[in-house]
Every structure is written in structure tokens, then in C-alpha cells.
Amino acid sequence: MNGNWLRVSPDELERARTDLGWAYELAMTERDGNSERWTATGKAWNSLDFLLDRLDFEIPLVLGANGFVELPDVEPDSDEMLDFLEDLEDDWGYGPPSYLTPVQVASAASRLASLTEDDLIGDVDPQELSRAEVYPGTWERPGELAWVAHYLPDVRSFFAAAAKNGDAVICWLD
């Protein structure tokens, strides 16, 4: 399971809202072309989300704040939810994508600009992530927190570029 982000213009975001198939093709093209508009956090997505939340980061960077698809009011792991997700137009991986608006991206970029790797992991006990069952669940191994922190400079750069261009960001797990 890997976290992904795609920078899109406001017009592209509007198109994605009505055509997830088009958005999926754009995302795969940008990812396969190793475009600067796409980046990923690999398996560190859940730990990054956990660590940012721990710092009261108000924008849900990893999973997005807005959904393209209204999820049905059923249990998350129910057969009804699984059927719904299977019926999505394209395979986005683990559920439908979500997004951050250009305003949310700018706010996130501003907050990320001053965040250091030490801020992210400096006083964190790896057992805290283990107790919270944070994916990928290998927190007993030395260097795991540093592995998560090494993504931060790229995350800062990605969101700074998105904010500079007035872009939104599509977020998904695959």
C-alpha cells in the first residue's frame, strides 16, 4: 500500500470531479512519466499521516480532505462497501481518491515550510506507532522513524511547487 499525490490545476480538478476515468489516466501518465506533478510516500503514508496528526497538522495531507465520491453510509469493511468500491470507474487502489483544494495546498505548504525532520520524529517513541498499529508496522527495527523523515524534504518541495502554481492535489492509496 503506497501513498500518492498528483498536482492538478483548478480546471483539471473540476474535470476530475466529473470524470474520474480521465483523472486516473492523467495520474497514471504522470506517474509512469516520473513527472514532477506526481510524487509518492511509498509505504510511509500512514506513519507520515500519524506523525503530522500528532503535531496538530490541520490539513490531512496524506488522505486528502475532500472526496470525489460520496461514500455510502455503511460499515467500512462491509460487503456493501466492498461492492461500492469495486464499482468505481477505475481502480484507484484502496478506495476512491480524495483531494486538497488550492487553498488547502497553500496552507499545507506554508506549515510544511518550517517543519523539520526533527520536528516530525524528534520526540517520538517507535512503540507509540506500534501501539497505534501504524502501517507498515515495523517500528521495532532501528532507523524506521528516520526512514519516514527522509520523505519530508520531497513533501515540502512538492507542496511548495503546488502552492506556487495554485494547484490542487489529488491523493490516493494504491
N, C-alpha and C. Protein backbone atom coordinates (compact mmCIF):
# COMPACT_ATOMS: atom_id res chain seq x y z
N MET A 1 0.85 -1.16 0.00
CA MET A 1 0.00 0.00 0.00
C MET A 1 0.90 1.23 0.00
N ASN A 2 0.70 2.10 -0.98
CA ASN A 2 1.55 3.27 -1.16
C ASN A 2 0.71 4.54 -1.29
N GLY A 3 1.21 5.64 -0.70
CA GLY A 3 0.55 6.92 -0.81
C GLY A 3 1.02 7.66 -2.05
N ASN A 4 0.08 8.33 -2.74
CA ASN A 4 0.37 9.05 -3.98
C ASN A 4 -0.27 10.42 -3.96
N TRP A 5 0.39 11.37 -4.64
CA TRP A 5 -0.16 12.70 -4.83
C TRP A 5 0.04 13.12 -6.28
N LEU A 6 -0.94 13.82 -6.81
CA LEU A 6 -0.85 14.39 -8.15
C LEU A 6 -1.28 15.84 -8.09
N ARG A 7 -0.40 16.73 -8.57
CA ARG A 7 -0.74 18.14 -8.67
C ARG A 7 -1.62 18.34 -9.91
N VAL A 8 -2.71 19.07 -9.73
CA VAL A 8 -3.60 19.39 -10.85
C VAL A 8 -4.01 20.85 -10.77
N SER A 9 -4.23 21.43 -11.91
CA SER A 9 -4.71 22.81 -11.95
C SER A 9 -6.17 22.83 -11.47
N PRO A 10 -6.68 24.00 -11.10
CA PRO A 10 -8.09 24.07 -10.71
C PRO A 10 -9.03 23.55 -11.82
N ASP A 11 -8.70 23.85 -13.08
CA ASP A 11 -9.53 23.33 -14.19
C ASP A 11 -9.47 21.81 -14.27
N GLU A 12 -8.28 21.26 -14.07
CA GLU A 12 -8.15 19.80 -14.08
C GLU A 12 -8.90 19.17 -12.91
N LEU A 13 -8.89 19.84 -11.77
CA LEU A 13 -9.64 19.34 -10.62
C LEU A 13 -11.13 19.32 -10.94
N GLU A 14 -11.62 20.36 -11.55
CA GLU A 14 -13.04 20.40 -11.92
C GLU A 14 -13.37 19.26 -12.88
N ARG A 15 -12.52 19.02 -13.85
CA ARG A 15 -12.76 17.90 -14.78
C ARG A 15 -12.72 16.57 -14.03
N ALA A 16 -11.78 16.42 -13.13
CA ALA A 16 -11.66 15.17 -12.37
C ALA A 16 -12.92 14.91 -11.54
N ARG A 17 -13.55 15.96 -11.07
CA ARG A 17 -14.77 15.80 -10.27
C ARG A 17 -15.89 15.13 -11.06
N THR A 18 -15.89 15.32 -12.37
CA THR A 18 -16.95 14.73 -13.18
C THR A 18 -16.47 13.55 -14.02
N ASP A 19 -15.16 13.32 -14.05
CA ASP A 19 -14.63 12.25 -14.89
C ASP A 19 -13.42 11.59 -14.20
N LEU A 20 -13.72 10.69 -13.27
CA LEU A 20 -12.64 10.02 -12.55
C LEU A 20 -11.79 9.15 -13.46
N GLY A 21 -12.38 8.64 -14.54
CA GLY A 21 -11.62 7.85 -15.51
C GLY A 21 -10.52 8.70 -16.14
N TRP A 22 -10.86 9.91 -16.54
CA TRP A 22 -9.88 10.83 -17.11
C TRP A 22 -8.80 11.14 -16.07
N ALA A 23 -9.22 11.40 -14.83
CA ALA A 23 -8.25 11.72 -13.78
C ALA A 23 -7.31 10.55 -13.53
N TYR A 24 -7.84 9.35 -13.56
CA TYR A 24 -7.00 8.16 -13.37
C TYR A 24 -5.96 8.04 -14.48
N GLU A 25 -6.38 8.24 -15.71
CA GLU A 25 -5.44 8.19 -16.84
C GLU A 25 -4.36 9.27 -16.70
N LEU A 26 -4.76 10.46 -16.30
CA LEU A 26 -3.79 11.54 -16.07
C LEU A 26 -2.81 11.14 -14.97
N ALA A 27 -3.32 10.61 -13.89
CA ALA A 27 -2.47 10.21 -12.77
C ALA A 27 -1.46 9.14 -13.21
N MET A 28 -1.92 8.15 -13.97
CA MET A 28 -1.02 7.08 -14.39
C MET A 28 0.01 7.59 -15.40
N THR A 29 -0.40 8.49 -16.27
CA THR A 29 0.54 9.08 -17.23
C THR A 29 1.63 9.86 -16.52
N GLU A 30 1.23 10.68 -15.56
CA GLU A 30 2.20 11.48 -14.82
C GLU A 30 3.11 10.58 -13.97
N ARG A 31 2.53 9.56 -13.35
CA ARG A 31 3.34 8.64 -12.54
C ARG A 31 4.31 7.87 -13.41
N ASP A 32 3.82 7.30 -14.50
CA ASP A 32 4.68 6.50 -15.37
C ASP A 32 5.76 7.33 -16.05
N GLY A 33 5.48 8.62 -16.25
CA GLY A 33 6.46 9.52 -16.85
C GLY A 33 7.39 10.15 -15.82
N ASN A 34 7.23 9.74 -14.55
CA ASN A 34 8.03 10.28 -13.46
C ASN A 34 7.99 11.82 -13.45
N SER A 35 6.81 12.34 -13.67
CA SER A 35 6.57 13.77 -13.74
C SER A 35 6.75 14.44 -12.38
N GLU A 36 7.12 15.71 -12.40
CA GLU A 36 7.21 16.49 -11.17
C GLU A 36 5.83 16.76 -10.58
N ARG A 37 4.78 16.51 -11.37
CA ARG A 37 3.42 16.70 -10.88
C ARG A 37 2.95 15.54 -10.01
N TRP A 38 3.70 14.45 -9.98
CA TRP A 38 3.35 13.28 -9.19
C TRP A 38 4.47 12.99 -8.21
N THR A 39 4.11 12.56 -7.02
CA THR A 39 5.08 12.06 -6.06
C THR A 39 4.39 11.04 -5.16
N ALA A 40 5.19 10.32 -4.42
CA ALA A 40 4.65 9.28 -3.55
C ALA A 40 5.43 9.22 -2.25
N THR A 41 4.78 8.66 -1.27
CA THR A 41 5.42 8.44 0.02
C THR A 41 5.64 6.96 0.28
N GLY A 42 5.41 6.15 -0.73
CA GLY A 42 5.58 4.72 -0.55
C GLY A 42 4.77 4.22 0.62
N LYS A 43 5.35 3.28 1.34
CA LYS A 43 4.66 2.69 2.49
C LYS A 43 4.69 3.58 3.73
N ALA A 44 5.32 4.73 3.61
CA ALA A 44 5.40 5.65 4.76
C ALA A 44 4.14 6.50 4.91
N TRP A 45 3.15 6.34 4.04
CA TRP A 45 1.98 7.20 4.05
C TRP A 45 1.28 7.23 5.41
N ASN A 46 1.06 6.07 6.01
CA ASN A 46 0.31 6.02 7.27
C ASN A 46 1.11 6.62 8.42
N SER A 47 2.40 6.35 8.45
CA SER A 47 3.23 6.91 9.51
C SER A 47 3.37 8.42 9.34
N LEU A 48 3.51 8.89 8.12
CA LEU A 48 3.57 10.33 7.89
C LEU A 48 2.27 10.99 8.35
N ASP A 49 1.15 10.38 8.01
CA ASP A 49 -0.15 10.90 8.43
C ASP A 49 -0.24 10.93 9.96
N PHE A 50 0.18 9.85 10.61
CA PHE A 50 0.16 9.76 12.07
C PHE A 50 1.04 10.83 12.70
N LEU A 51 2.25 10.98 12.18
CA LEU A 51 3.19 11.93 12.77
C LEU A 51 2.75 13.37 12.56
N LEU A 52 2.18 13.68 11.40
CA LEU A 52 1.67 15.03 11.17
C LEU A 52 0.47 15.32 12.07
N ASP A 53 -0.39 14.34 12.21
CA ASP A 53 -1.56 14.49 13.09
C ASP A 53 -1.11 14.73 14.54
N ARG A 54 -0.07 14.03 14.92
CA ARG A 54 0.50 14.17 16.26
C ARG A 54 0.97 15.61 16.51
N LEU A 55 1.36 16.30 15.43
CA LEU A 55 1.81 17.70 15.53
C LEU A 55 0.66 18.69 15.32
N ASP A 56 -0.56 18.18 15.35
CA ASP A 56 -1.77 19.01 15.12
C ASP A 56 -1.76 19.69 13.76
N PHE A 57 -1.23 18.97 12.76
CA PHE A 57 -1.25 19.47 11.39
C PHE A 57 -2.70 19.46 10.93
N GLU A 58 -3.26 20.62 10.66
CA GLU A 58 -4.70 20.73 10.43
C GLU A 58 -5.17 20.24 9.06
N ILE A 59 -4.30 20.16 8.07
CA ILE A 59 -4.67 19.69 6.74
C ILE A 59 -4.32 18.21 6.62
N PRO A 60 -5.28 17.35 6.30
CA PRO A 60 -4.97 15.92 6.15
C PRO A 60 -4.24 15.66 4.83
N LEU A 61 -2.95 15.93 4.83
CA LEU A 61 -2.12 15.85 3.63
C LEU A 61 -2.19 14.53 2.90
N VAL A 62 -2.08 13.46 3.63
CA VAL A 62 -1.91 12.14 3.02
C VAL A 62 -3.20 11.64 2.41
N LEU A 63 -4.29 11.76 3.11
CA LEU A 63 -5.55 11.18 2.66
C LEU A 63 -6.49 12.20 2.02
N GLY A 64 -6.14 13.46 2.07
CA GLY A 64 -6.99 14.48 1.47
C GLY A 64 -8.15 14.84 2.37
N ALA A 65 -8.76 15.96 2.07
CA ALA A 65 -9.84 16.48 2.91
C ALA A 65 -11.20 16.39 2.22
N ASN A 66 -11.20 16.21 0.91
CA ASN A 66 -12.44 16.26 0.14
C ASN A 66 -12.53 15.01 -0.73
N GLY A 67 -13.70 14.45 -0.80
CA GLY A 67 -13.88 13.24 -1.60
C GLY A 67 -14.52 13.52 -2.94
N PHE A 68 -14.06 12.80 -3.96
CA PHE A 68 -14.69 12.87 -5.27
C PHE A 68 -16.01 12.12 -5.29
N VAL A 69 -16.08 11.10 -4.45
CA VAL A 69 -17.22 10.20 -4.44
C VAL A 69 -17.81 10.21 -3.05
N GLU A 70 -19.12 10.38 -2.96
CA GLU A 70 -19.75 10.29 -1.66
C GLU A 70 -19.86 8.82 -1.28
N LEU A 71 -19.25 8.47 -0.18
CA LEU A 71 -19.26 7.09 0.26
C LEU A 71 -20.62 6.75 0.86
N PRO A 72 -21.09 5.54 0.62
CA PRO A 72 -22.39 5.16 1.19
C PRO A 72 -22.29 5.06 2.71
N ASP A 73 -23.42 5.23 3.36
CA ASP A 73 -23.47 5.18 4.81
C ASP A 73 -23.60 3.72 5.26
N VAL A 74 -22.49 2.99 5.12
CA VAL A 74 -22.45 1.58 5.52
C VAL A 74 -21.14 1.33 6.27
N GLU A 75 -21.04 0.20 6.92
CA GLU A 75 -19.81 -0.15 7.63
C GLU A 75 -18.63 -0.18 6.67
N PRO A 76 -17.47 0.35 7.07
CA PRO A 76 -16.32 0.42 6.16
C PRO A 76 -15.89 -0.93 5.57
N ASP A 77 -15.94 -2.00 6.32
CA ASP A 77 -15.48 -3.30 5.82
C ASP A 77 -16.63 -4.22 5.40
N SER A 78 -17.80 -3.65 5.21
CA SER A 78 -18.96 -4.46 4.87
C SER A 78 -18.95 -4.86 3.39
N ASP A 79 -19.78 -5.87 3.07
CA ASP A 79 -19.92 -6.29 1.67
C ASP A 79 -20.45 -5.15 0.81
N GLU A 80 -21.35 -4.34 1.38
CA GLU A 80 -21.90 -3.21 0.61
C GLU A 80 -20.80 -2.21 0.23
N MET A 81 -19.89 -1.93 1.18
CA MET A 81 -18.80 -1.00 0.89
C MET A 81 -17.85 -1.61 -0.14
N LEU A 82 -17.55 -2.88 0.00
CA LEU A 82 -16.66 -3.54 -0.97
C LEU A 82 -17.27 -3.53 -2.36
N ASP A 83 -18.58 -3.80 -2.46
CA ASP A 83 -19.26 -3.76 -3.76
C ASP A 83 -19.21 -2.35 -4.35
N PHE A 84 -19.44 -1.35 -3.51
CA PHE A 84 -19.40 0.03 -3.97
C PHE A 84 -18.03 0.38 -4.53
N LEU A 85 -16.98 0.03 -3.79
CA LEU A 85 -15.63 0.36 -4.23
C LEU A 85 -15.27 -0.38 -5.51
N GLU A 86 -15.73 -1.61 -5.66
CA GLU A 86 -15.46 -2.36 -6.88
C GLU A 86 -16.14 -1.74 -8.09
N ASP A 87 -17.25 -1.04 -7.84
CA ASP A 87 -18.00 -0.43 -8.93
C ASP A 87 -17.43 0.91 -9.39
N LEU A 88 -16.42 1.42 -8.70
CA LEU A 88 -15.81 2.68 -9.14
C LEU A 88 -15.32 2.53 -10.57
N GLU A 89 -15.34 3.62 -11.29
CA GLU A 89 -14.99 3.59 -12.71
C GLU A 89 -13.60 3.02 -12.98
N ASP A 90 -12.65 3.35 -12.17
CA ASP A 90 -11.27 2.89 -12.37
C ASP A 90 -10.70 2.41 -11.06
N ASP A 91 -9.64 1.62 -11.15
CA ASP A 91 -9.03 1.06 -9.96
C ASP A 91 -8.00 2.03 -9.40
N TRP A 92 -8.43 2.81 -8.44
CA TRP A 92 -7.54 3.75 -7.78
C TRP A 92 -6.77 3.08 -6.66
N GLY A 93 -6.97 1.82 -6.47
CA GLY A 93 -6.26 1.11 -5.42
C GLY A 93 -7.17 0.85 -4.25
N TYR A 94 -6.87 1.49 -3.12
CA TYR A 94 -7.60 1.25 -1.88
C TYR A 94 -8.66 2.31 -1.68
N GLY A 95 -9.68 2.27 -2.49
CA GLY A 95 -10.78 3.21 -2.36
C GLY A 95 -10.64 4.40 -3.28
N PRO A 96 -11.66 5.23 -3.31
CA PRO A 96 -11.65 6.38 -4.22
C PRO A 96 -10.62 7.42 -3.78
N PRO A 97 -10.12 8.20 -4.74
CA PRO A 97 -9.18 9.27 -4.39
C PRO A 97 -9.90 10.39 -3.66
N SER A 98 -9.13 11.24 -3.06
CA SER A 98 -9.66 12.47 -2.46
C SER A 98 -8.75 13.60 -2.93
N TYR A 99 -9.00 14.80 -2.44
CA TYR A 99 -8.18 15.91 -2.92
C TYR A 99 -8.08 17.02 -1.89
N LEU A 100 -7.12 17.88 -2.14
CA LEU A 100 -6.94 19.12 -1.39
C LEU A 100 -7.11 20.26 -2.37
N THR A 101 -7.88 21.26 -1.99
CA THR A 101 -8.09 22.43 -2.85
C THR A 101 -6.81 23.27 -2.90
N PRO A 102 -6.72 24.19 -3.85
CA PRO A 102 -5.55 25.08 -3.87
C PRO A 102 -5.36 25.85 -2.55
N VAL A 103 -6.43 26.25 -1.90
CA VAL A 103 -6.31 26.95 -0.62
C VAL A 103 -5.74 26.01 0.44
N GLN A 104 -6.21 24.77 0.48
CA GLN A 104 -5.69 23.80 1.44
C GLN A 104 -4.22 23.48 1.15
N VAL A 105 -3.88 23.37 -0.13
CA VAL A 105 -2.49 23.11 -0.52
C VAL A 105 -1.59 24.25 -0.07
N ALA A 106 -2.03 25.49 -0.29
CA ALA A 106 -1.23 26.65 0.12
C ALA A 106 -1.04 26.67 1.65
N SER A 107 -2.09 26.35 2.38
CA SER A 107 -2.00 26.30 3.83
C SER A 107 -1.03 25.21 4.28
N ALA A 108 -1.13 24.04 3.66
CA ALA A 108 -0.22 22.93 3.99
C ALA A 108 1.21 23.30 3.67
N ALA A 109 1.44 23.89 2.50
CA ALA A 109 2.80 24.28 2.10
C ALA A 109 3.40 25.27 3.08
N SER A 110 2.59 26.21 3.54
CA SER A 110 3.07 27.20 4.50
C SER A 110 3.49 26.53 5.80
N ARG A 111 2.69 25.60 6.27
CA ARG A 111 3.01 24.90 7.53
C ARG A 111 4.21 23.98 7.34
N LEU A 112 4.31 23.31 6.19
CA LEU A 112 5.42 22.41 5.94
C LEU A 112 6.75 23.14 5.82
N ALA A 113 6.71 24.38 5.35
CA ALA A 113 7.94 25.13 5.08
C ALA A 113 8.87 25.20 6.28
N SER A 114 8.30 25.29 7.47
CA SER A 114 9.13 25.42 8.66
C SER A 114 9.28 24.10 9.43
N LEU A 115 8.68 23.05 8.94
CA LEU A 115 8.73 21.76 9.63
C LEU A 115 10.03 21.03 9.29
N THR A 116 10.74 20.60 10.31
CA THR A 116 11.99 19.86 10.09
C THR A 116 11.78 18.38 10.38
N GLU A 117 12.76 17.60 9.96
CA GLU A 117 12.72 16.18 10.25
C GLU A 117 12.71 15.94 11.75
N ASP A 118 13.47 16.74 12.49
CA ASP A 118 13.50 16.60 13.94
C ASP A 118 12.14 16.95 14.55
N ASP A 119 11.46 17.96 14.00
CA ASP A 119 10.11 18.28 14.47
C ASP A 119 9.19 17.08 14.29
N LEU A 120 9.36 16.40 13.17
CA LEU A 120 8.47 15.29 12.83
C LEU A 120 8.68 14.08 13.72
N ILE A 121 9.96 13.74 14.00
CA ILE A 121 10.22 12.48 14.72
C ILE A 121 11.05 12.64 16.00
N GLY A 122 11.46 13.85 16.33
CA GLY A 122 12.40 14.08 17.42
C GLY A 122 12.06 13.46 18.74
N ASP A 123 10.84 13.56 19.18
CA ASP A 123 10.48 13.04 20.50
C ASP A 123 9.51 11.85 20.41
N VAL A 124 9.54 11.17 19.29
CA VAL A 124 8.61 10.06 19.07
C VAL A 124 9.22 8.74 19.53
N ASP A 125 8.45 8.00 20.28
CA ASP A 125 8.83 6.65 20.68
C ASP A 125 8.25 5.70 19.64
N PRO A 126 9.08 4.89 18.98
CA PRO A 126 8.56 3.97 17.97
C PRO A 126 7.44 3.08 18.49
N GLN A 127 7.43 2.80 19.78
CA GLN A 127 6.36 1.97 20.35
C GLN A 127 5.00 2.66 20.26
N GLU A 128 5.02 3.99 20.21
CA GLU A 128 3.77 4.74 20.04
C GLU A 128 3.12 4.37 18.71
N LEU A 129 3.92 4.25 17.65
CA LEU A 129 3.39 3.85 16.36
C LEU A 129 2.95 2.39 16.37
N SER A 130 3.69 1.56 17.07
CA SER A 130 3.31 0.14 17.19
C SER A 130 1.98 0.00 17.90
N ARG A 131 1.82 0.70 19.02
CA ARG A 131 0.57 0.63 19.78
C ARG A 131 -0.61 1.12 18.94
N ALA A 132 -0.37 2.12 18.11
CA ALA A 132 -1.43 2.66 17.26
C ALA A 132 -1.64 1.83 15.99
N GLU A 133 -0.85 0.77 15.84
CA GLU A 133 -0.93 -0.11 14.66
C GLU A 133 -0.77 0.65 13.35
N VAL A 134 0.21 1.54 13.34
CA VAL A 134 0.50 2.33 12.15
C VAL A 134 1.23 1.47 11.13
N TYR A 135 0.71 1.48 9.91
CA TYR A 135 1.30 0.73 8.79
C TYR A 135 2.65 1.33 8.45
N PRO A 136 3.68 0.57 8.13
CA PRO A 136 3.69 -0.86 7.86
C PRO A 136 3.96 -1.74 9.07
N GLY A 137 4.02 -1.18 10.27
CA GLY A 137 4.10 -1.97 11.48
C GLY A 137 5.47 -2.56 11.78
N THR A 138 6.53 -1.94 11.29
CA THR A 138 7.89 -2.45 11.51
C THR A 138 8.68 -1.52 12.42
N TRP A 139 8.03 -0.93 13.39
CA TRP A 139 8.61 0.14 14.19
C TRP A 139 9.67 -0.34 15.16
N GLU A 140 9.77 -1.63 15.39
CA GLU A 140 10.80 -2.16 16.28
C GLU A 140 12.18 -2.17 15.62
N ARG A 141 12.23 -2.06 14.31
CA ARG A 141 13.52 -2.05 13.60
C ARG A 141 14.18 -0.68 13.72
N PRO A 142 15.49 -0.67 13.94
CA PRO A 142 16.21 0.61 14.03
C PRO A 142 16.11 1.38 12.71
N GLY A 143 16.00 2.68 12.81
CA GLY A 143 16.02 3.53 11.62
C GLY A 143 14.68 3.73 10.94
N GLU A 144 13.61 3.12 11.46
CA GLU A 144 12.31 3.25 10.80
C GLU A 144 11.78 4.68 10.83
N LEU A 145 11.94 5.38 11.96
CA LEU A 145 11.48 6.76 12.01
C LEU A 145 12.29 7.65 11.08
N ALA A 146 13.58 7.41 10.99
CA ALA A 146 14.41 8.18 10.05
C ALA A 146 13.98 7.92 8.61
N TRP A 147 13.57 6.69 8.34
CA TRP A 147 13.06 6.34 7.00
C TRP A 147 11.84 7.19 6.65
N VAL A 148 10.94 7.37 7.60
CA VAL A 148 9.76 8.21 7.36
C VAL A 148 10.20 9.66 7.17
N ALA A 149 11.08 10.13 8.04
CA ALA A 149 11.51 11.53 7.99
C ALA A 149 12.22 11.88 6.69
N HIS A 150 12.84 10.89 6.05
CA HIS A 150 13.57 11.20 4.81
C HIS A 150 12.63 11.63 3.68
N TYR A 151 11.34 11.38 3.82
CA TYR A 151 10.36 11.82 2.82
C TYR A 151 10.03 13.30 2.95
N LEU A 152 10.25 13.88 4.12
CA LEU A 152 9.80 15.24 4.38
C LEU A 152 10.35 16.29 3.41
N PRO A 153 11.62 16.30 3.05
CA PRO A 153 12.07 17.32 2.09
C PRO A 153 11.33 17.27 0.76
N ASP A 154 11.07 16.07 0.26
CA ASP A 154 10.32 15.95 -1.00
C ASP A 154 8.87 16.39 -0.83
N VAL A 155 8.29 16.08 0.31
CA VAL A 155 6.91 16.51 0.58
C VAL A 155 6.86 18.03 0.61
N ARG A 156 7.81 18.66 1.31
CA ARG A 156 7.86 20.13 1.36
C ARG A 156 7.99 20.71 -0.05
N SER A 157 8.89 20.17 -0.85
CA SER A 157 9.11 20.68 -2.21
C SER A 157 7.88 20.51 -3.09
N PHE A 158 7.26 19.34 -2.99
CA PHE A 158 6.08 19.05 -3.80
C PHE A 158 4.95 20.03 -3.48
N PHE A 159 4.67 20.22 -2.19
CA PHE A 159 3.58 21.11 -1.81
C PHE A 159 3.93 22.57 -2.06
N ALA A 160 5.20 22.94 -1.92
CA ALA A 160 5.61 24.32 -2.23
C ALA A 160 5.40 24.61 -3.72
N ALA A 161 5.77 23.67 -4.58
CA ALA A 161 5.58 23.86 -6.03
C ALA A 161 4.09 23.92 -6.37
N ALA A 162 3.30 23.05 -5.74
CA ALA A 162 1.85 23.06 -5.98
C ALA A 162 1.25 24.40 -5.56
N ALA A 163 1.64 24.88 -4.39
CA ALA A 163 1.11 26.16 -3.90
C ALA A 163 1.55 27.31 -4.81
N LYS A 164 2.79 27.30 -5.24
CA LYS A 164 3.30 28.36 -6.12
C LYS A 164 2.50 28.44 -7.41
N ASN A 165 2.09 27.28 -7.93
CA ASN A 165 1.33 27.23 -9.19
C ASN A 165 -0.17 27.36 -8.98
N GLY A 166 -0.63 27.42 -7.73
CA GLY A 166 -2.07 27.49 -7.47
C GLY A 166 -2.78 26.16 -7.73
N ASP A 167 -2.03 25.06 -7.59
CA ASP A 167 -2.58 23.74 -7.88
C ASP A 167 -3.35 23.15 -6.71
N ALA A 168 -4.24 22.23 -7.05
CA ALA A 168 -4.88 21.34 -6.10
C ALA A 168 -4.04 20.06 -6.09
N VAL A 169 -4.32 19.15 -5.17
CA VAL A 169 -3.59 17.87 -5.13
C VAL A 169 -4.61 16.75 -4.96
N ILE A 170 -4.50 15.76 -5.85
CA ILE A 170 -5.31 14.54 -5.74
C ILE A 170 -4.50 13.55 -4.92
N CYS A 171 -5.15 12.90 -3.96
CA CYS A 171 -4.49 11.97 -3.03
C CYS A 171 -5.13 10.59 -3.17
N TRP A 172 -4.30 9.54 -3.21
CA TRP A 172 -4.86 8.19 -3.23
C TRP A 172 -3.84 7.18 -2.76
N LEU A 173 -4.34 6.01 -2.36
CA LEU A 173 -3.50 4.90 -1.93
C LEU A 173 -3.64 3.78 -2.96
N ASP A 174 -2.50 3.21 -3.33
CA ASP A 174 -2.58 2.03 -4.22
C ASP A 174 -1.64 0.95 -3.76
